[in-house]
Amino acid sequence: MIPARNDRSLFAMRIRHLKSNLPELAQEMGNSPREIINSYKRNVTDAEVDEWFNIMPPKDYAELIYQHIQNESRQFGVSLREDVTPLSRNALVDGALMPV
């Protein structure tokens, strides 16, 4: 179960993700290691951290967005070019979009 998304949860997850490297997190946050411990540190498991940082939108999300934009643009008498390929027609491979 992923906890509610808020700054405190994010930073608690990030502490575990960085293997408690508080100086690095303090620099990212613009805060002190002591404040991080006092305000954000809580017990989370590696499984919770993995689940938190691996959240992905549904597989058809890009197609849904593309269709929504296409439908909304019609009210202005325009449409997206036919040669525009929605992201869902590409594969995300190692962080880069690759044609399928």
N, C-alpha and C. Protein backbone atom coordinates (compact mmCIF):
# COMPACT_ATOMS: atom_id res chain seq x y z
N MET A 1 0.85 -1.19 0.00
CA MET A 1 0.00 0.00 0.00
C MET A 1 0.89 1.24 0.00
N ILE A 2 0.71 2.10 -0.98
CA ILE A 2 1.50 3.31 -1.08
C ILE A 2 0.87 4.37 -0.18
N PRO A 3 1.68 4.98 0.71
CA PRO A 3 1.14 6.02 1.59
C PRO A 3 0.67 7.23 0.78
N ALA A 4 -0.15 8.05 1.41
CA ALA A 4 -0.62 9.27 0.76
C ALA A 4 0.57 10.07 0.26
N ARG A 5 0.44 10.64 -0.93
CA ARG A 5 1.55 11.38 -1.50
C ARG A 5 1.59 12.79 -0.92
N ASN A 6 2.64 13.07 -0.23
CA ASN A 6 2.89 14.41 0.26
C ASN A 6 4.39 14.54 0.47
N ASP A 7 4.85 15.73 0.80
CA ASP A 7 6.28 15.95 0.94
C ASP A 7 6.90 15.06 2.00
N ARG A 8 6.22 14.89 3.12
CA ARG A 8 6.79 14.06 4.19
C ARG A 8 6.99 12.62 3.72
N SER A 9 6.02 12.09 3.01
CA SER A 9 6.17 10.72 2.49
C SER A 9 7.29 10.64 1.47
N LEU A 10 7.34 11.61 0.57
CA LEU A 10 8.39 11.61 -0.44
C LEU A 10 9.76 11.60 0.21
N PHE A 11 9.96 12.48 1.17
CA PHE A 11 11.29 12.57 1.78
C PHE A 11 11.60 11.34 2.63
N ALA A 12 10.59 10.76 3.27
CA ALA A 12 10.82 9.52 4.01
C ALA A 12 11.27 8.42 3.05
N MET A 13 10.63 8.35 1.89
CA MET A 13 11.02 7.36 0.89
C MET A 13 12.41 7.67 0.33
N ARG A 14 12.68 8.95 0.13
CA ARG A 14 13.98 9.34 -0.45
C ARG A 14 15.12 9.02 0.51
N ILE A 15 14.90 9.16 1.83
CA ILE A 15 15.92 8.80 2.81
C ILE A 15 16.31 7.33 2.62
N ARG A 16 15.32 6.47 2.52
CA ARG A 16 15.59 5.04 2.35
C ARG A 16 16.22 4.78 0.98
N HIS A 17 15.73 5.46 -0.03
CA HIS A 17 16.24 5.30 -1.39
C HIS A 17 17.72 5.65 -1.47
N LEU A 18 18.13 6.67 -0.74
CA LEU A 18 19.54 7.08 -0.72
C LEU A 18 20.35 6.32 0.31
N LYS A 19 19.75 5.29 0.88
CA LYS A 19 20.43 4.46 1.90
C LYS A 19 20.93 5.32 3.05
N SER A 20 20.06 6.23 3.50
CA SER A 20 20.31 7.13 4.63
C SER A 20 21.47 8.08 4.41
N ASN A 21 21.75 8.45 3.17
CA ASN A 21 22.78 9.44 2.87
C ASN A 21 22.19 10.82 3.14
N LEU A 22 22.13 11.19 4.42
CA LEU A 22 21.48 12.43 4.82
C LEU A 22 22.14 13.68 4.26
N PRO A 23 23.47 13.76 4.17
CA PRO A 23 24.06 14.96 3.58
C PRO A 23 23.59 15.21 2.14
N GLU A 24 23.50 14.15 1.34
CA GLU A 24 23.03 14.30 -0.04
C GLU A 24 21.58 14.77 -0.07
N LEU A 25 20.73 14.15 0.75
CA LEU A 25 19.33 14.54 0.79
C LEU A 25 19.18 15.96 1.33
N ALA A 26 19.97 16.31 2.33
CA ALA A 26 19.91 17.67 2.89
C ALA A 26 20.22 18.70 1.81
N GLN A 27 21.19 18.39 0.97
CA GLN A 27 21.53 19.32 -0.12
C GLN A 27 20.38 19.40 -1.13
N GLU A 28 19.77 18.26 -1.47
CA GLU A 28 18.64 18.26 -2.39
C GLU A 28 17.48 19.09 -1.85
N MET A 29 17.25 18.97 -0.54
CA MET A 29 16.10 19.62 0.08
C MET A 29 16.39 21.06 0.51
N GLY A 30 17.66 21.42 0.61
CA GLY A 30 17.99 22.73 1.15
C GLY A 30 17.70 22.80 2.63
N ASN A 31 18.00 21.71 3.32
CA ASN A 31 17.71 21.60 4.74
C ASN A 31 18.89 20.95 5.43
N SER A 32 18.84 20.84 6.74
CA SER A 32 19.93 20.22 7.48
C SER A 32 19.61 18.74 7.73
N PRO A 33 20.65 17.90 7.87
CA PRO A 33 20.42 16.50 8.20
C PRO A 33 19.60 16.34 9.49
N ARG A 34 19.85 17.20 10.46
CA ARG A 34 19.10 17.11 11.73
C ARG A 34 17.61 17.36 11.50
N GLU A 35 17.28 18.36 10.68
CA GLU A 35 15.86 18.65 10.40
C GLU A 35 15.21 17.51 9.64
N ILE A 36 15.96 16.89 8.74
CA ILE A 36 15.42 15.74 8.00
C ILE A 36 15.05 14.63 8.96
N ILE A 37 15.94 14.32 9.89
CA ILE A 37 15.66 13.26 10.87
C ILE A 37 14.45 13.64 11.72
N ASN A 38 14.42 14.88 12.20
CA ASN A 38 13.34 15.31 13.08
C ASN A 38 11.98 15.36 12.38
N SER A 39 11.97 15.78 11.14
CA SER A 39 10.69 16.03 10.47
C SER A 39 10.24 14.94 9.50
N TYR A 40 11.18 14.21 8.92
CA TYR A 40 10.80 13.33 7.82
C TYR A 40 11.10 11.85 8.01
N LYS A 41 12.05 11.52 8.85
CA LYS A 41 12.47 10.12 8.93
C LYS A 41 11.39 9.28 9.59
N ARG A 42 11.03 8.21 8.93
CA ARG A 42 10.13 7.21 9.50
C ARG A 42 10.52 5.87 8.90
N ASN A 43 10.08 4.83 9.51
CA ASN A 43 10.45 3.50 9.05
C ASN A 43 9.65 3.11 7.81
N VAL A 44 10.36 2.88 6.74
CA VAL A 44 9.76 2.36 5.51
C VAL A 44 10.63 1.21 5.02
N THR A 45 10.02 0.30 4.33
CA THR A 45 10.75 -0.87 3.84
C THR A 45 11.25 -0.62 2.43
N ASP A 46 12.20 -1.43 2.01
CA ASP A 46 12.69 -1.34 0.63
C ASP A 46 11.56 -1.60 -0.35
N ALA A 47 10.66 -2.51 -0.01
CA ALA A 47 9.53 -2.81 -0.90
C ALA A 47 8.63 -1.58 -1.06
N GLU A 48 8.38 -0.84 0.02
CA GLU A 48 7.59 0.38 -0.07
C GLU A 48 8.27 1.42 -0.94
N VAL A 49 9.58 1.54 -0.79
CA VAL A 49 10.35 2.50 -1.59
C VAL A 49 10.29 2.11 -3.07
N ASP A 50 10.49 0.83 -3.36
CA ASP A 50 10.42 0.38 -4.75
C ASP A 50 9.05 0.67 -5.35
N GLU A 51 8.00 0.40 -4.60
CA GLU A 51 6.65 0.64 -5.08
C GLU A 51 6.44 2.15 -5.32
N TRP A 52 6.92 2.96 -4.40
CA TRP A 52 6.75 4.42 -4.50
C TRP A 52 7.42 4.98 -5.75
N PHE A 53 8.68 4.60 -5.99
CA PHE A 53 9.44 5.18 -7.08
C PHE A 53 9.21 4.48 -8.43
N ASN A 54 8.40 3.43 -8.45
CA ASN A 54 8.09 2.74 -9.71
C ASN A 54 6.66 2.95 -10.15
N ILE A 55 6.01 3.99 -9.64
CA ILE A 55 4.65 4.30 -10.04
C ILE A 55 4.68 4.78 -11.49
N MET A 56 3.86 4.17 -12.30
CA MET A 56 3.79 4.54 -13.72
C MET A 56 2.32 4.74 -14.09
N PRO A 57 2.06 5.60 -15.05
CA PRO A 57 0.68 5.78 -15.51
C PRO A 57 0.23 4.53 -16.26
N PRO A 58 -1.08 4.38 -16.47
CA PRO A 58 -1.57 3.22 -17.23
C PRO A 58 -0.95 3.19 -18.62
N LYS A 59 -0.87 2.01 -19.20
CA LYS A 59 -0.22 1.84 -20.50
C LYS A 59 -0.87 2.68 -21.60
N ASP A 60 -2.16 2.91 -21.52
CA ASP A 60 -2.83 3.68 -22.57
C ASP A 60 -2.94 5.17 -22.22
N TYR A 61 -2.20 5.63 -21.24
CA TYR A 61 -2.30 7.01 -20.78
C TYR A 61 -1.98 8.02 -21.90
N ALA A 62 -0.90 7.80 -22.63
CA ALA A 62 -0.52 8.74 -23.69
C ALA A 62 -1.59 8.80 -24.77
N GLU A 63 -2.16 7.67 -25.11
CA GLU A 63 -3.23 7.63 -26.11
C GLU A 63 -4.45 8.39 -25.61
N LEU A 64 -4.80 8.21 -24.34
CA LEU A 64 -5.94 8.93 -23.76
C LEU A 64 -5.71 10.45 -23.80
N ILE A 65 -4.51 10.88 -23.46
CA ILE A 65 -4.18 12.30 -23.49
C ILE A 65 -4.25 12.82 -24.92
N TYR A 66 -3.69 12.07 -25.83
CA TYR A 66 -3.71 12.45 -27.25
C TYR A 66 -5.14 12.61 -27.73
N GLN A 67 -6.00 11.65 -27.42
CA GLN A 67 -7.40 11.72 -27.85
C GLN A 67 -8.12 12.90 -27.20
N HIS A 68 -7.83 13.16 -25.93
CA HIS A 68 -8.45 14.30 -25.24
C HIS A 68 -8.05 15.61 -25.92
N ILE A 69 -6.77 15.77 -26.20
CA ILE A 69 -6.31 16.99 -26.86
C ILE A 69 -6.95 17.10 -28.24
N GLN A 70 -7.00 16.00 -28.95
CA GLN A 70 -7.62 15.99 -30.29
C GLN A 70 -9.08 16.43 -30.18
N ASN A 71 -9.81 15.86 -29.24
CA ASN A 71 -11.22 16.19 -29.08
C ASN A 71 -11.41 17.65 -28.65
N GLU A 72 -10.60 18.11 -27.70
CA GLU A 72 -10.73 19.49 -27.23
C GLU A 72 -10.35 20.50 -28.31
N SER A 73 -9.37 20.18 -29.14
CA SER A 73 -8.94 21.12 -30.18
C SER A 73 -10.00 21.29 -31.25
N ARG A 74 -10.87 20.31 -31.41
CA ARG A 74 -11.93 20.39 -32.44
C ARG A 74 -12.90 21.53 -32.16
N GLN A 75 -13.08 21.89 -30.89
CA GLN A 75 -13.99 22.98 -30.58
C GLN A 75 -13.49 24.31 -31.13
N PHE A 76 -12.20 24.37 -31.44
CA PHE A 76 -11.62 25.58 -32.02
C PHE A 76 -11.47 25.45 -33.54
N GLY A 77 -12.00 24.37 -34.09
CA GLY A 77 -11.94 24.17 -35.53
C GLY A 77 -10.59 23.72 -36.04
N VAL A 78 -9.76 23.18 -35.15
CA VAL A 78 -8.45 22.67 -35.56
C VAL A 78 -8.30 21.24 -35.06
N SER A 79 -7.33 20.55 -35.61
CA SER A 79 -7.01 19.22 -35.11
C SER A 79 -5.51 19.01 -35.21
N LEU A 80 -5.04 18.03 -34.51
CA LEU A 80 -3.62 17.72 -34.57
C LEU A 80 -3.29 17.18 -35.95
N ARG A 81 -2.10 17.42 -36.39
CA ARG A 81 -1.67 16.90 -37.68
C ARG A 81 -1.76 15.38 -37.68
N GLU A 82 -2.09 14.83 -38.79
CA GLU A 82 -2.22 13.37 -38.89
C GLU A 82 -0.89 12.65 -38.76
N ASP A 83 0.23 13.35 -39.05
CA ASP A 83 1.52 12.69 -38.98
C ASP A 83 2.11 12.71 -37.57
N VAL A 84 1.38 13.29 -36.63
CA VAL A 84 1.85 13.30 -35.24
C VAL A 84 1.55 11.95 -34.64
N THR A 85 2.56 11.34 -34.07
CA THR A 85 2.40 10.02 -33.47
C THR A 85 2.28 10.16 -31.96
N PRO A 86 1.20 9.69 -31.36
CA PRO A 86 1.09 9.76 -29.91
C PRO A 86 2.14 8.88 -29.25
N LEU A 87 2.50 9.26 -28.04
CA LEU A 87 3.55 8.54 -27.33
C LEU A 87 3.24 7.07 -27.13
N SER A 88 1.96 6.72 -27.01
CA SER A 88 1.62 5.32 -26.77
C SER A 88 2.01 4.43 -27.94
N ARG A 89 2.28 5.03 -29.10
CA ARG A 89 2.71 4.24 -30.24
C ARG A 89 4.21 4.06 -30.26
N ASN A 90 4.86 4.50 -29.22
CA ASN A 90 6.29 4.32 -29.04
C ASN A 90 6.53 3.55 -27.76
N ALA A 91 7.68 2.98 -27.62
CA ALA A 91 8.03 2.25 -26.41
C ALA A 91 9.06 3.04 -25.62
N LEU A 92 8.90 3.07 -24.32
CA LEU A 92 9.88 3.71 -23.47
C LEU A 92 10.93 2.66 -23.14
N VAL A 93 12.14 2.85 -23.66
CA VAL A 93 13.23 1.90 -23.47
C VAL A 93 14.39 2.63 -22.82
N ASP A 94 14.75 2.23 -21.61
CA ASP A 94 15.86 2.86 -20.89
C ASP A 94 15.72 4.38 -20.85
N GLY A 95 14.51 4.85 -20.62
CA GLY A 95 14.28 6.28 -20.48
C GLY A 95 14.19 7.05 -21.78
N ALA A 96 14.27 6.36 -22.93
CA ALA A 96 14.18 7.05 -24.22
C ALA A 96 13.02 6.48 -25.02
N LEU A 97 12.32 7.33 -25.75
CA LEU A 97 11.23 6.87 -26.60
C LEU A 97 11.78 6.25 -27.86
N MET A 98 11.33 5.06 -28.15
CA MET A 98 11.77 4.34 -29.33
C MET A 98 10.55 3.94 -30.15
N PRO A 99 10.58 4.14 -31.46
CA PRO A 99 9.44 3.71 -32.30
C PRO A 99 9.22 2.21 -32.17
N VAL A 100 7.96 1.83 -32.19
CA VAL A 100 7.63 0.41 -32.09
C VAL A 100 7.43 -0.15 -33.48
